[in-house]
Protein backbone atom coordinates (compact mmCIF):
# COMPACT_ATOMS: atom_id res chain seq x y z
CA MET A 1 -228.19 41.57 12.66
CA ILE A 2 -231.98 41.97 12.81
CA GLY A 3 -233.43 41.14 16.21
CA PRO A 4 -235.83 38.15 16.48
CA GLY A 5 -238.61 40.28 17.96
CA ARG A 6 -238.79 42.76 15.09
CA ASP A 7 -242.10 43.00 13.22
CA PRO A 8 -242.08 40.77 10.06
CA ALA A 9 -243.27 43.62 7.81
CA ASP A 10 -240.52 45.84 9.18
CA ARG A 11 -237.96 43.09 8.62
CA ARG A 12 -239.05 42.69 5.02
CA ALA A 13 -238.86 46.47 4.47
CA ARG A 14 -235.36 46.57 5.95
CA GLN A 15 -234.29 43.65 3.78
CA ARG A 16 -235.59 45.45 0.69
CA SER A 17 -233.67 48.57 1.70
CA ALA A 18 -230.53 46.51 2.24
CA ARG A 19 -230.84 44.95 -1.23
CA ARG A 20 -231.23 48.40 -2.77
CA TRP A 21 -228.23 49.75 -0.83
CA ARG A 22 -226.09 46.84 -2.01
CA GLU A 23 -227.16 47.45 -5.63
CA LEU A 24 -226.30 51.15 -5.33
CA LEU A 25 -223.01 50.30 -3.62
CA ALA A 26 -222.08 47.95 -6.47
CA SER A 27 -223.04 50.59 -9.03
CA GLU A 28 -220.93 53.30 -7.35
CA ARG A 29 -217.94 50.99 -6.99
CA ASP A 30 -218.27 50.03 -10.65
CA ALA A 31 -218.38 53.67 -11.71
CA ALA A 32 -215.34 54.51 -9.58
CA ALA A 33 -213.38 51.66 -11.16
CA MET A 34 -214.43 52.79 -14.63
CA TYR A 35 -213.33 56.40 -14.10
CA GLU A 36 -210.01 55.30 -12.61
CA ALA A 37 -209.36 53.02 -15.58
CA LEU A 38 -210.33 55.75 -18.05
CA ALA A 39 -208.00 58.20 -16.28
CA ASP A 40 -205.14 55.81 -17.04
CA THR A 41 -205.90 56.14 -20.76
CA ALA A 42 -206.06 59.95 -20.64
CA GLY A 43 -203.51 62.55 -19.75
CA GLY A 44 -203.16 65.98 -18.20
CA GLU A 45 -206.29 67.76 -17.00
CA ARG A 46 -208.60 65.11 -18.43
CA ALA A 47 -207.03 62.40 -16.28
CA GLU A 48 -207.24 64.61 -13.21
CA ILE A 49 -210.95 65.28 -13.77
CA LEU A 50 -211.71 61.60 -14.30
CA ARG A 51 -209.93 60.76 -11.05
CA GLU A 52 -211.98 63.42 -9.27
CA LEU A 53 -215.13 61.79 -10.62
CA ALA A 54 -213.86 58.44 -9.35
CA ALA A 55 -213.29 59.98 -5.92
CA VAL A 56 -216.88 61.25 -5.88
CA GLU A 57 -218.15 57.76 -6.74
CA ARG A 58 -216.03 56.26 -3.93
CA ARG A 59 -217.51 58.80 -1.52
CA HIS A 60 -221.00 57.76 -2.60
CA ALA A 61 -220.06 54.11 -2.18
CA ALA A 62 -218.83 54.83 1.35
CA HIS A 63 -222.25 56.32 2.17
CA TRP A 64 -224.04 53.09 1.19
CA GLU A 65 -221.46 51.02 3.08
CA ALA A 66 -222.14 53.10 6.20
CA LEU A 67 -225.90 52.60 5.89
CA LEU A 68 -225.45 48.84 5.61
CA ARG A 69 -223.23 48.74 8.69
CA GLU A 70 -225.58 50.95 10.70
CA GLY A 71 -228.46 48.66 9.78
CA GLY A 72 -226.57 45.59 10.93
CA PHE A 73 -226.08 44.16 7.45
CA ASP A 74 -222.95 42.66 5.94
CA VAL A 75 -221.02 44.85 3.51
CA PRO A 76 -220.05 42.85 0.42
CA PRO A 77 -216.36 43.05 -0.50
CA PRO A 78 -215.39 44.84 -3.73
CA GLY A 79 -215.73 42.55 -6.72
CA ARG A 80 -214.66 42.51 -10.33
CA PRO A 81 -216.04 45.42 -12.40
CA GLY A 82 -219.14 44.61 -14.42
CA LEU A 83 -219.17 43.58 -18.07
CA ARG A 84 -220.23 47.04 -19.26
CA THR A 85 -217.36 48.71 -17.39
CA ARG A 86 -214.86 46.20 -18.75
CA MET A 87 -216.11 46.73 -22.30
CA ILE A 88 -215.92 50.52 -21.99
CA THR A 89 -212.44 50.57 -20.50
CA THR A 90 -211.18 48.00 -23.03
CA THR A 91 -212.57 50.09 -25.90
CA ALA A 92 -211.00 53.26 -24.49
CA GLY A 93 -207.65 51.53 -24.09
CA ARG A 94 -207.71 50.08 -27.59
CA PHE A 95 -209.01 53.15 -29.39
CA SER A 96 -209.31 56.36 -27.34
CA LEU A 97 -211.19 58.02 -24.51
CA ASP A 98 -213.21 60.00 -27.04
CA ALA A 99 -214.64 56.77 -28.45
CA VAL A 100 -216.51 56.00 -25.20
CA LEU A 101 -217.28 59.44 -23.77
CA PRO A 102 -220.65 59.81 -25.59
CA ILE A 103 -221.79 56.44 -24.21
CA ILE A 104 -220.84 57.34 -20.64
CA GLU A 105 -222.34 60.82 -20.90
CA ARG A 106 -225.70 59.42 -22.08
CA ALA A 107 -225.70 56.95 -19.19
CA GLU A 108 -224.91 59.68 -16.67
CA ARG A 109 -227.65 61.94 -18.04
CA THR A 110 -230.15 59.07 -17.89
CA GLY A 111 -229.29 58.32 -14.26
CA ALA A 112 -228.79 61.94 -13.18
CA GLY A 113 -232.08 62.04 -11.26
CA GLU A 114 -231.58 58.70 -9.50
CA TYR A 115 -230.99 60.29 -6.08
CA ASP A 116 -233.42 63.22 -6.42
CA GLU A 117 -236.22 61.51 -4.47
CA ASP A 118 -234.15 58.93 -2.59
CA PRO A 119 -234.69 59.45 1.16
CA ASP A 120 -231.51 57.52 1.96
CA ALA A 121 -229.21 59.54 -0.29
CA ALA A 122 -226.80 61.94 1.41
CA PRO A 123 -227.15 65.70 0.78
CA GLY A 124 -225.44 66.72 -2.43
CA MET A 125 -225.37 63.27 -4.01
CA ALA A 126 -228.02 64.19 -6.60
CA ASP A 127 -226.09 67.33 -7.57
CA ASP A 128 -222.89 65.29 -7.82
CA GLU A 129 -224.50 62.91 -10.30
CA ARG A 130 -225.77 65.76 -12.46
CA GLY A 131 -222.32 67.31 -12.35
CA HIS A 132 -220.82 64.12 -13.78
CA ALA A 133 -222.82 64.49 -17.00
CA ILE A 134 -221.74 68.12 -17.27
CA ALA A 135 -218.08 67.27 -16.77
CA LEU A 136 -218.24 64.49 -19.34
CA ALA A 137 -219.89 66.83 -21.84
CA GLY A 138 -216.98 69.21 -21.36
CA LEU A 139 -214.46 66.41 -21.85
CA ARG A 140 -216.25 65.33 -25.02
CA ASP A 141 -216.44 68.85 -26.43
CA GLY A 142 -212.70 69.28 -25.98
CA ALA A 143 -210.68 72.39 -25.38
CA GLY A 144 -211.94 75.88 -25.78
CA GLY A 145 -213.92 78.12 -23.50
CA PRO A 146 -217.49 79.21 -24.02
CA ALA A 147 -218.54 82.13 -26.16
CA ARG A 148 -220.78 84.75 -24.65
CA PRO A 149 -224.24 84.98 -26.23
CA ASP A 150 -223.54 88.31 -27.94
CA VAL A 151 -220.28 86.96 -29.37
CA LYS A 152 -222.13 83.91 -30.69
CA GLY A 153 -224.65 86.17 -32.37
CA ARG A 154 -221.95 88.17 -34.14
CA ILE A 155 -220.24 85.00 -35.29
CA ALA A 156 -223.53 83.67 -36.64
CA GLN A 157 -224.08 86.89 -38.58
CA ARG A 158 -220.60 86.80 -40.09
CA GLU A 159 -220.58 83.07 -40.81
CA HIS A 160 -223.97 83.04 -42.46
CA TRP A 161 -223.30 79.74 -44.18
CA HIS A 162 -224.18 77.96 -40.92
CA ARG A 163 -227.86 77.08 -41.24
CA SER A 164 -230.18 77.96 -38.38
CA ASP A 165 -233.78 76.91 -37.86
CA ARG A 166 -234.91 78.74 -34.76
CA SER A 167 -238.64 78.21 -35.24
CA GLY A 168 -238.56 74.58 -36.36
CA ALA A 169 -240.36 75.59 -39.57
CA LEU A 170 -237.51 74.50 -41.86
CA ARG A 171 -237.39 71.00 -40.38
CA ALA A 172 -241.20 70.71 -40.52
CA GLY A 173 -241.24 72.02 -44.09
CA ILE A 174 -238.62 69.54 -45.28
CA PHE A 175 -240.47 66.60 -43.77
CA GLY A 176 -243.78 67.99 -45.00
CA VAL A 177 -242.94 68.29 -48.69
CA SER A 178 -241.16 64.93 -48.76
CA ASP A 179 -243.94 63.14 -46.90
CA GLY A 180 -246.69 64.79 -48.96
CA LEU A 181 -245.03 63.88 -52.22
CA VAL A 182 -244.21 60.27 -51.34
CA SER A 183 -247.40 59.39 -49.46
CA ASN A 184 -249.81 60.92 -51.97
CA THR A 185 -247.91 59.45 -54.91
CA ALA A 186 -248.23 56.03 -53.29
CA LEU A 187 -251.94 56.61 -52.61
CA VAL A 188 -252.71 57.77 -56.17
CA MET A 189 -250.67 54.93 -57.67
CA GLY A 190 -252.59 52.42 -55.57
CA PHE A 191 -255.91 53.65 -56.89
CA ALA A 192 -254.57 53.91 -60.44
CA GLY A 193 -253.23 50.37 -60.25
CA SER A 194 -256.63 49.07 -59.23
CA GLY A 195 -258.10 50.37 -62.48
CA ALA A 196 -260.27 52.99 -60.77
CA GLY A 197 -261.69 55.78 -62.92
CA ARG A 198 -260.42 59.32 -63.09
CA SER A 199 -262.92 60.66 -60.55
CA SER A 200 -262.02 57.99 -57.99
CA VAL A 201 -258.28 58.60 -58.37
CA LEU A 202 -258.83 62.35 -58.15
CA LEU A 203 -260.99 61.99 -55.04
CA ALA A 204 -258.35 59.80 -53.40
CA GLY A 205 -255.60 62.29 -54.23
CA VAL A 206 -257.51 65.29 -52.88
CA ALA A 207 -258.59 63.38 -49.75
CA GLY A 208 -254.99 62.29 -49.14
CA LEU A 209 -253.78 65.86 -49.61
CA LEU A 210 -256.26 67.36 -47.13
CA ALA A 211 -256.11 64.59 -44.54
CA GLY A 212 -252.32 64.41 -44.63
CA ALA A 213 -251.78 68.17 -44.53
CA PHE A 214 -254.02 68.75 -41.51
CA SER A 215 -252.74 65.64 -39.77
CA MET A 216 -249.13 66.75 -40.25
CA ALA A 217 -249.93 70.26 -39.03
CA ALA A 218 -251.73 69.00 -35.93
CA GLY A 219 -248.94 66.55 -35.16
CA GLU A 220 -246.23 69.19 -35.56
CA TYR A 221 -248.12 71.66 -33.37
CA VAL A 222 -248.64 69.16 -30.54
CA SER A 223 -245.08 67.82 -30.81
CA MET A 224 -243.43 71.24 -30.93
CA SER A 225 -245.62 72.58 -28.10
CA GLY A 226 -244.68 69.66 -25.87
CA GLN A 227 -241.00 70.04 -26.72
CA ARG A 228 -241.05 73.78 -26.05
CA GLU A 229 -242.83 73.31 -22.70
CA MET A 230 -240.26 70.69 -21.71
CA PHE A 231 -237.39 73.03 -22.62
CA GLU A 232 -239.00 75.94 -20.74
CA ARG A 233 -239.37 73.74 -17.66
CA GLU A 234 -235.70 72.76 -17.84
CA ILE A 235 -234.72 76.44 -18.07
CA SER A 236 -237.03 77.27 -15.13
CA ILE A 237 -235.39 74.55 -13.02
CA GLU A 238 -231.96 75.89 -13.94
CA ARG A 239 -233.07 79.42 -12.97
CA THR A 240 -234.26 78.15 -9.57
CA GLU A 241 -231.02 76.26 -8.97
CA LEU A 242 -229.04 79.38 -9.87
CA GLU A 243 -231.01 81.40 -7.30
CA GLU A 244 -230.99 78.79 -4.54
CA LYS A 245 -227.61 77.09 -5.07
CA PRO A 246 -225.25 79.62 -6.68
CA GLN A 247 -222.14 78.02 -5.18
CA GLU A 248 -223.01 74.62 -6.64
CA GLU A 249 -223.64 76.17 -10.05
CA LEU A 250 -220.27 77.94 -9.77
CA GLU A 251 -218.57 74.60 -9.08
CA GLU A 252 -220.37 73.01 -12.04
CA LEU A 253 -219.21 75.76 -14.39
CA THR A 254 -215.66 75.51 -13.07
CA LEU A 255 -215.62 71.75 -13.58
CA LEU A 256 -217.12 72.13 -17.05
CA TYR A 257 -214.44 74.57 -18.20
CA ARG A 258 -211.70 72.47 -16.69
CA ALA A 259 -213.10 69.56 -18.68
CA LYS A 260 -212.89 71.74 -21.79
CA GLY A 261 -209.17 72.09 -21.22
CA LEU A 262 -208.75 75.29 -19.19
CA PRO A 263 -206.36 75.22 -16.20
CA SER A 264 -208.06 75.17 -12.80
CA ASP A 265 -207.35 78.81 -11.91
CA GLN A 266 -208.50 80.11 -15.29
CA ALA A 267 -211.61 77.93 -15.20
CA ARG A 268 -212.59 79.30 -11.77
CA GLU A 269 -211.85 82.88 -12.81
CA LEU A 270 -214.02 82.50 -15.90
CA ALA A 271 -216.83 80.86 -13.91
CA ASN A 272 -216.71 83.67 -11.31
CA THR A 273 -216.89 86.28 -14.07
CA ILE A 274 -219.93 84.62 -15.62
CA MET A 275 -221.68 84.14 -12.26
CA SER A 276 -221.29 87.84 -11.46
CA ASP A 277 -224.05 88.58 -14.01
CA ARG A 278 -227.08 86.37 -13.35
CA THR A 279 -228.55 86.91 -16.81
CA VAL A 280 -225.34 85.82 -18.51
CA ALA A 281 -224.96 83.01 -15.96
CA LEU A 282 -228.40 81.59 -16.72
CA ASP A 283 -227.84 81.86 -20.47
CA THR A 284 -224.45 80.15 -20.17
CA LEU A 285 -225.72 77.36 -17.91
CA VAL A 286 -228.64 76.67 -20.23
CA ARG A 287 -226.35 76.49 -23.24
CA GLU A 288 -223.47 74.61 -21.65
CA GLU A 289 -225.31 72.35 -19.20
CA LEU A 290 -228.59 71.68 -21.01
CA GLY A 291 -227.35 72.13 -24.57
CA LEU A 292 -230.23 74.53 -25.35
CA ASP A 293 -230.36 77.90 -27.07
CA PRO A 294 -232.85 79.99 -25.05
CA ASP A 295 -233.60 82.07 -28.14
CA ALA A 296 -234.36 79.07 -30.35
CA LEU A 297 -236.85 76.83 -28.54
CA GLY A 298 -239.09 76.47 -31.61
CA SER A 299 -242.44 77.93 -32.64
CA PRO A 300 -245.38 75.46 -32.68
CA TRP A 301 -247.46 77.67 -34.99
CA ALA A 302 -244.63 78.22 -37.47
CA ALA A 303 -243.88 74.48 -37.57
CA ALA A 304 -247.57 73.60 -38.01
CA PHE A 305 -248.18 76.11 -40.81
CA SER A 306 -244.97 75.15 -42.59
CA SER A 307 -245.84 71.46 -42.36
CA LEU A 308 -249.39 71.99 -43.63
CA LEU A 309 -248.32 74.15 -46.57
CA THR A 310 -245.41 72.02 -47.73
CA PHE A 311 -247.26 68.72 -47.34
CA ALA A 312 -250.09 70.11 -49.46
CA LEU A 313 -247.60 71.36 -52.03
CA GLY A 314 -245.90 67.99 -52.29
CA ALA A 315 -249.21 66.11 -52.43
CA LEU A 316 -250.60 68.44 -55.09
CA VAL A 317 -247.97 67.40 -57.64
CA VAL A 318 -249.63 64.03 -58.33
CA VAL A 319 -253.16 65.46 -58.29
CA ILE A 320 -252.60 68.04 -61.04
CA PRO A 321 -252.63 65.60 -64.02
CA TYR A 322 -255.97 64.13 -62.92
CA LEU A 323 -257.44 67.64 -62.67
CA ILE A 324 -256.71 68.07 -66.37
CA THR A 325 -257.22 64.64 -67.93
CA GLY A 326 -257.52 60.95 -67.14
CA GLY A 327 -256.49 57.50 -68.30
CA ALA A 328 -253.01 56.63 -69.51
CA ALA A 329 -252.11 60.28 -70.18
CA ALA A 330 -252.83 61.30 -66.58
CA PHE A 331 -251.03 58.22 -65.25
CA GLY A 332 -247.91 58.87 -67.31
CA ALA A 333 -247.84 62.56 -66.42
CA THR A 334 -248.28 61.72 -62.73
CA VAL A 335 -245.33 59.31 -62.77
CA ALA A 336 -243.11 61.80 -64.60
CA LEU A 337 -244.04 64.72 -62.33
CA ALA A 338 -243.61 62.62 -59.20
CA VAL A 339 -240.12 61.42 -60.19
CA LEU A 340 -239.02 64.94 -61.16
CA ALA A 341 -240.38 66.43 -57.94
CA MET A 342 -238.75 63.72 -55.81
CA ALA A 343 -235.44 64.31 -57.55
CA GLY A 344 -235.77 68.06 -56.94
CA VAL A 345 -236.59 67.61 -53.25
CA GLY A 346 -233.74 65.15 -52.76
CA ALA A 347 -231.26 67.39 -54.56
CA GLY A 348 -232.43 70.38 -52.50
CA LEU A 349 -231.88 68.45 -49.27
CA GLY A 350 -228.42 67.52 -50.44
CA VAL A 351 -227.54 71.16 -51.10
CA LEU A 352 -228.93 72.27 -47.72
CA ASN A 353 -226.89 69.62 -45.93
CA GLY A 354 -223.74 70.33 -47.93
CA ARG A 355 -223.86 66.88 -49.55
CA SER A 356 -224.05 65.66 -53.12
CA PRO A 357 -227.31 66.78 -54.83
CA ALA A 358 -227.20 63.71 -57.09
CA ARG A 359 -226.96 61.38 -54.12
CA GLY A 360 -229.84 63.12 -52.39
CA ALA A 361 -231.96 62.94 -55.53
CA LEU A 362 -231.30 59.22 -56.04
CA ARG A 363 -232.11 58.46 -52.41
CA GLN A 364 -235.40 60.37 -52.50
CA VAL A 365 -236.46 58.92 -55.87
CA GLY A 366 -235.55 55.40 -54.77
CA ALA A 367 -237.64 55.63 -51.60
CA GLY A 368 -240.60 57.20 -53.40
CA VAL A 369 -240.59 54.77 -56.33
CA LEU A 370 -240.40 51.82 -53.95
CA ALA A 371 -243.41 53.04 -51.96
CA ALA A 372 -245.43 53.85 -55.09
CA GLY A 373 -244.51 50.55 -56.74
CA VAL A 374 -245.70 48.53 -53.76
CA THR A 375 -249.05 50.32 -53.54
CA PHE A 376 -249.52 50.12 -57.33
CA GLY A 377 -248.96 46.36 -57.18
CA VAL A 378 -251.34 45.94 -54.25
CA GLY A 379 -253.94 48.10 -56.03
CA ALA A 380 -253.60 46.06 -59.20
CA LEU A 381 -253.96 42.81 -57.27
CA ILE A 382 -257.06 44.02 -55.44
CA GLY A 383 -258.51 45.42 -58.62
CA VAL A 384 -258.13 42.07 -60.45
CA ARG A 385 -259.72 40.12 -57.60
CA THR A 386 -262.71 42.44 -57.28
CA SER A 387 -263.36 42.81 -61.02
């Protein structure tokens, strides 16, 4: 136990460390129990991998037990697994392992950096935790080895029906035209409902078009730039780890392919083959471990321009009638054009996603009409009160 002559500040610091060690010990024991229970619901290679993960967690738990003993603190006995672990294992037993793997993988990825800056963690513990997320991703993806980048490219060329949006422009364009159409329709309907004259409605529509288009473009540029920089940093870290810890990366690849269903000897042979070419190794690790395509990180400028152009196009639909005429004729034409455009956008999204065009059209029109109806009502109410 702590000696009576020890400095009070030091005693408090040691007590805080002991509390943290006990929390980490309980967490590692809980994880070990969870993986053991999940292994009982699986079979073959999957069960073996889950038991290996449990063994790693027990090794981590033993480290925290040793620190507690060395510090003169009591080591709590193993207790009942926590509520989360019991819920996960019960769900896996009642349904299947696949039903809970995404939940566990997300949790492992979230906590993967827990030991990175921990001065009390043993060497290799941080890498072990990151390896857990990789192994779980392989278990979730199921059987089947990885495809080399050039093979993937040939498959993509042959199976051209798989959509690809490498620059991010398609995603930005889809959101842009939908947002421009709905938001400017709602804005114009609000002014029209208030009884404002043609010039006021037209001014509002043009102002909404310009403000929204440039705002969307700026937002897409900043968002895509930040995302791309984050992805590039992740790839840079992976490149450094490949250079400094090639053996650990080899073990991660081997574990990943075993989790995908390959026998141990084939998984190691495949991992060794990939690691023999550092360019292929980095590409494979980035794809398999990070889930990124190095050739498709997104273009901020393409996304910004696409967003600006499509938002303006969508917003222009409800401005056109007021450029030509005013009053009830302009209002009726605006409503008709807006509904037709919303139906077209919704149907187009349905086709792109391989879903029903009619369902997509109804969903888009429903959302747009609801937004426009609310603003029209508010505009009418304000217009009556101020008249």
